[in-house]
Amino acid sequence: MHLQGWHLVIIIVLALLLFAGPKLPKLARSLGQSMRIFKSEVRQMKEDDKPNASSSNTASADEEPVEGRVIDDGQTGPRA
């Protein structure tokens, strides 16, 4: 007798109902809450990626340009 995919699915569903039945509502609730958090984070990331219509490529009034410097830490060899 060879077990096929749908046989395993039925066995797993029955095992879940028998052994984890009382815990399923709590599991479903936490899964739904996690999905809501994930969706809101994805939505927030999409909104952060959209450029604002009022800002351009230059720095806005509340952002100051930052000067970048290269610091030699002495661990790298001489540059050619």
N, C-alpha and C. Protein backbone atom coordinates (compact mmCIF):
# COMPACT_ATOMS: atom_id res chain seq x y z
N MET A 1 0.85 -1.18 0.00
CA MET A 1 0.00 0.00 0.00
C MET A 1 0.89 1.24 0.00
N HIS A 2 0.71 2.07 -1.00
CA HIS A 2 1.50 3.30 -1.12
C HIS A 2 0.63 4.49 -0.72
N LEU A 3 1.19 5.31 0.17
CA LEU A 3 0.47 6.51 0.59
C LEU A 3 0.70 7.61 -0.44
N GLN A 4 -0.38 8.18 -0.91
CA GLN A 4 -0.28 9.28 -1.85
C GLN A 4 -0.41 10.60 -1.09
N GLY A 5 -0.25 11.70 -1.81
CA GLY A 5 -0.28 13.01 -1.19
C GLY A 5 -1.56 13.32 -0.46
N TRP A 6 -2.69 13.00 -1.07
CA TRP A 6 -3.96 13.34 -0.42
C TRP A 6 -4.22 12.46 0.80
N HIS A 7 -3.63 11.24 0.85
CA HIS A 7 -3.75 10.40 2.05
C HIS A 7 -3.05 11.07 3.23
N LEU A 8 -1.87 11.59 2.95
CA LEU A 8 -1.12 12.27 4.02
C LEU A 8 -1.85 13.52 4.50
N VAL A 9 -2.48 14.24 3.59
CA VAL A 9 -3.22 15.44 3.98
C VAL A 9 -4.37 15.07 4.92
N ILE A 10 -5.09 14.02 4.59
CA ILE A 10 -6.21 13.58 5.44
C ILE A 10 -5.69 13.15 6.81
N ILE A 11 -4.61 12.41 6.86
CA ILE A 11 -4.05 11.96 8.14
C ILE A 11 -3.61 13.15 8.98
N ILE A 12 -2.97 14.14 8.37
CA ILE A 12 -2.50 15.32 9.11
C ILE A 12 -3.68 16.12 9.65
N VAL A 13 -4.74 16.29 8.83
CA VAL A 13 -5.93 17.02 9.28
C VAL A 13 -6.59 16.31 10.44
N LEU A 14 -6.72 14.99 10.36
CA LEU A 14 -7.32 14.23 11.47
C LEU A 14 -6.47 14.33 12.73
N ALA A 15 -5.17 14.24 12.60
CA ALA A 15 -4.29 14.36 13.77
C ALA A 15 -4.42 15.74 14.41
N LEU A 16 -4.51 16.78 13.56
CA LEU A 16 -4.69 18.13 14.10
C LEU A 16 -6.00 18.26 14.86
N LEU A 17 -7.06 17.72 14.29
CA LEU A 17 -8.36 17.82 14.96
C LEU A 17 -8.38 17.04 16.27
N LEU A 18 -7.73 15.90 16.31
CA LEU A 18 -7.75 15.09 17.53
C LEU A 18 -6.86 15.66 18.63
N PHE A 19 -5.66 16.06 18.29
CA PHE A 19 -4.69 16.44 19.33
C PHE A 19 -4.60 17.94 19.57
N ALA A 20 -4.94 18.74 18.59
CA ALA A 20 -4.78 20.19 18.75
C ALA A 20 -6.11 20.92 18.61
N GLY A 21 -7.21 20.22 18.70
CA GLY A 21 -8.54 20.81 18.53
C GLY A 21 -8.80 22.02 19.42
N PRO A 22 -8.58 21.91 20.72
CA PRO A 22 -8.85 23.06 21.60
C PRO A 22 -7.93 24.25 21.34
N LYS A 23 -6.76 24.02 20.78
CA LYS A 23 -5.81 25.10 20.55
C LYS A 23 -5.99 25.77 19.20
N LEU A 24 -6.82 25.22 18.32
CA LEU A 24 -6.96 25.76 16.97
C LEU A 24 -7.53 27.18 16.93
N PRO A 25 -8.54 27.54 17.74
CA PRO A 25 -9.04 28.92 17.69
C PRO A 25 -7.96 29.95 18.08
N LYS A 26 -7.18 29.63 19.09
CA LYS A 26 -6.11 30.53 19.50
C LYS A 26 -5.05 30.64 18.41
N LEU A 27 -4.74 29.51 17.76
CA LEU A 27 -3.77 29.51 16.67
C LEU A 27 -4.27 30.35 15.50
N ALA A 28 -5.55 30.20 15.15
CA ALA A 28 -6.12 30.97 14.05
C ALA A 28 -6.15 32.46 14.38
N ARG A 29 -6.45 32.80 15.60
CA ARG A 29 -6.49 34.20 16.03
C ARG A 29 -5.10 34.83 15.93
N SER A 30 -4.08 34.13 16.41
CA SER A 30 -2.73 34.68 16.35
C SER A 30 -2.23 34.75 14.91
N LEU A 31 -2.63 33.79 14.07
CA LEU A 31 -2.25 33.83 12.66
C LEU A 31 -2.90 35.03 11.97
N GLY A 32 -4.17 35.30 12.25
CA GLY A 32 -4.85 36.46 11.68
C GLY A 32 -4.23 37.76 12.13
N GLN A 33 -3.86 37.85 13.39
CA GLN A 33 -3.22 39.06 13.91
C GLN A 33 -1.86 39.26 13.24
N SER A 34 -1.12 38.19 13.07
CA SER A 34 0.18 38.30 12.40
C SER A 34 0.03 38.75 10.96
N MET A 35 -0.98 38.25 10.27
CA MET A 35 -1.22 38.65 8.88
C MET A 35 -1.60 40.14 8.80
N ARG A 36 -2.41 40.63 9.74
CA ARG A 36 -2.76 42.05 9.76
C ARG A 36 -1.53 42.92 9.98
N ILE A 37 -0.66 42.51 10.89
CA ILE A 37 0.56 43.27 11.15
C ILE A 37 1.44 43.26 9.92
N PHE A 38 1.58 42.10 9.28
CA PHE A 38 2.41 41.99 8.09
C PHE A 38 1.88 42.88 6.97
N LYS A 39 0.56 42.85 6.74
CA LYS A 39 -0.03 43.67 5.69
C LYS A 39 0.16 45.16 5.97
N SER A 40 0.01 45.57 7.22
CA SER A 40 0.18 46.99 7.54
C SER A 40 1.64 47.42 7.36
N GLU A 41 2.58 46.54 7.68
CA GLU A 41 3.99 46.87 7.49
C GLU A 41 4.33 46.97 6.00
N VAL A 42 3.78 46.08 5.19
CA VAL A 42 4.02 46.13 3.74
C VAL A 42 3.42 47.41 3.17
N ARG A 43 2.22 47.76 3.60
CA ARG A 43 1.57 48.99 3.13
C ARG A 43 2.39 50.21 3.53
N GLN A 44 2.91 50.21 4.75
CA GLN A 44 3.72 51.33 5.22
C GLN A 44 5.02 51.43 4.43
N MET A 45 5.64 50.30 4.10
CA MET A 45 6.87 50.33 3.31
C MET A 45 6.60 50.85 1.90
N LYS A 46 5.45 50.49 1.31
CA LYS A 46 5.10 50.99 -0.01
C LYS A 46 4.89 52.50 0.03
N GLU A 47 4.25 53.00 1.09
CA GLU A 47 4.03 54.44 1.21
C GLU A 47 5.35 55.18 1.42
N ASP A 48 6.30 54.57 2.13
CA ASP A 48 7.59 55.20 2.35
C ASP A 48 8.40 55.28 1.06
N ASP A 49 8.20 54.34 0.14
CA ASP A 49 8.94 54.33 -1.12
C ASP A 49 8.41 55.34 -2.12
N LYS A 50 7.16 55.77 -1.98
CA LYS A 50 6.59 56.73 -2.92
C LYS A 50 7.21 58.11 -2.69
N PRO A 51 7.66 58.77 -3.76
CA PRO A 51 8.20 60.13 -3.58
C PRO A 51 7.06 61.11 -3.31
N ASN A 52 7.35 62.08 -2.46
CA ASN A 52 6.35 63.11 -2.16
C ASN A 52 6.28 64.09 -3.32
N ALA A 53 5.09 64.59 -3.60
CA ALA A 53 4.91 65.54 -4.70
C ALA A 53 5.57 66.88 -4.39
N SER A 54 5.66 67.25 -3.11
CA SER A 54 6.21 68.55 -2.75
C SER A 54 7.74 68.54 -2.69
N SER A 55 8.36 67.37 -2.55
CA SER A 55 9.81 67.34 -2.45
C SER A 55 10.43 67.01 -3.80
N SER A 56 11.66 67.49 -3.98
CA SER A 56 12.39 67.21 -5.21
C SER A 56 13.62 66.38 -4.86
N ASN A 57 14.57 66.31 -5.78
CA ASN A 57 15.76 65.51 -5.53
C ASN A 57 16.72 66.17 -4.56
N THR A 58 16.56 67.45 -4.29
CA THR A 58 17.43 68.14 -3.33
C THR A 58 16.97 67.85 -1.92
N ALA A 59 17.81 68.18 -0.95
CA ALA A 59 17.47 67.95 0.44
C ALA A 59 16.34 68.88 0.86
N SER A 60 15.43 68.38 1.65
CA SER A 60 14.31 69.20 2.11
C SER A 60 14.78 70.13 3.22
N ALA A 61 13.88 71.00 3.69
CA ALA A 61 14.24 72.03 4.66
C ALA A 61 14.66 71.42 5.99
N ASP A 62 14.10 70.28 6.39
CA ASP A 62 14.44 69.69 7.67
C ASP A 62 15.65 68.76 7.60
N GLU A 63 16.19 68.51 6.41
CA GLU A 63 17.36 67.67 6.26
C GLU A 63 18.55 68.52 5.83
N GLU A 64 19.65 68.35 6.53
CA GLU A 64 20.86 69.07 6.17
C GLU A 64 21.79 68.11 5.43
N PRO A 65 22.53 68.62 4.43
CA PRO A 65 23.47 67.74 3.74
C PRO A 65 24.58 67.29 4.68
N VAL A 66 25.04 66.07 4.48
CA VAL A 66 26.07 65.50 5.33
C VAL A 66 27.36 65.37 4.52
N GLU A 67 28.46 65.84 5.10
CA GLU A 67 29.75 65.75 4.43
C GLU A 67 30.34 64.37 4.68
N GLY A 68 30.77 63.69 3.62
CA GLY A 68 31.36 62.37 3.77
C GLY A 68 32.86 62.43 3.70
N ARG A 69 33.53 61.69 4.55
CA ARG A 69 34.99 61.63 4.56
C ARG A 69 35.42 60.17 4.59
N VAL A 70 36.56 59.90 3.97
CA VAL A 70 37.14 58.57 4.01
C VAL A 70 38.21 58.57 5.09
N ILE A 71 38.08 57.64 6.02
CA ILE A 71 39.02 57.55 7.14
C ILE A 71 39.88 56.32 6.93
N ASP A 72 41.20 56.51 6.94
CA ASP A 72 42.12 55.40 6.79
C ASP A 72 42.31 54.78 8.16
N ASP A 73 41.93 53.52 8.30
CA ASP A 73 42.03 52.87 9.59
C ASP A 73 43.38 52.18 9.81
N GLY A 74 44.24 52.21 8.78
CA GLY A 74 45.56 51.64 8.92
C GLY A 74 45.61 50.13 8.73
N GLN A 75 44.48 49.48 8.58
CA GLN A 75 44.46 48.04 8.43
C GLN A 75 44.59 47.61 6.97
N THR A 76 44.30 48.47 6.05
CA THR A 76 44.40 48.11 4.65
C THR A 76 45.79 48.44 4.15
N GLY A 77 46.21 47.73 3.11
CA GLY A 77 47.53 47.94 2.54
C GLY A 77 47.57 49.22 1.71
N PRO A 78 48.74 49.53 1.17
CA PRO A 78 48.84 50.74 0.35
C PRO A 78 48.04 50.60 -0.92
N ARG A 79 47.48 51.71 -1.34
CA ARG A 79 46.64 51.71 -2.54
C ARG A 79 47.50 52.05 -3.74
N ALA A 80 47.19 51.39 -4.85
CA ALA A 80 47.95 51.66 -6.07
C ALA A 80 47.32 52.75 -6.88
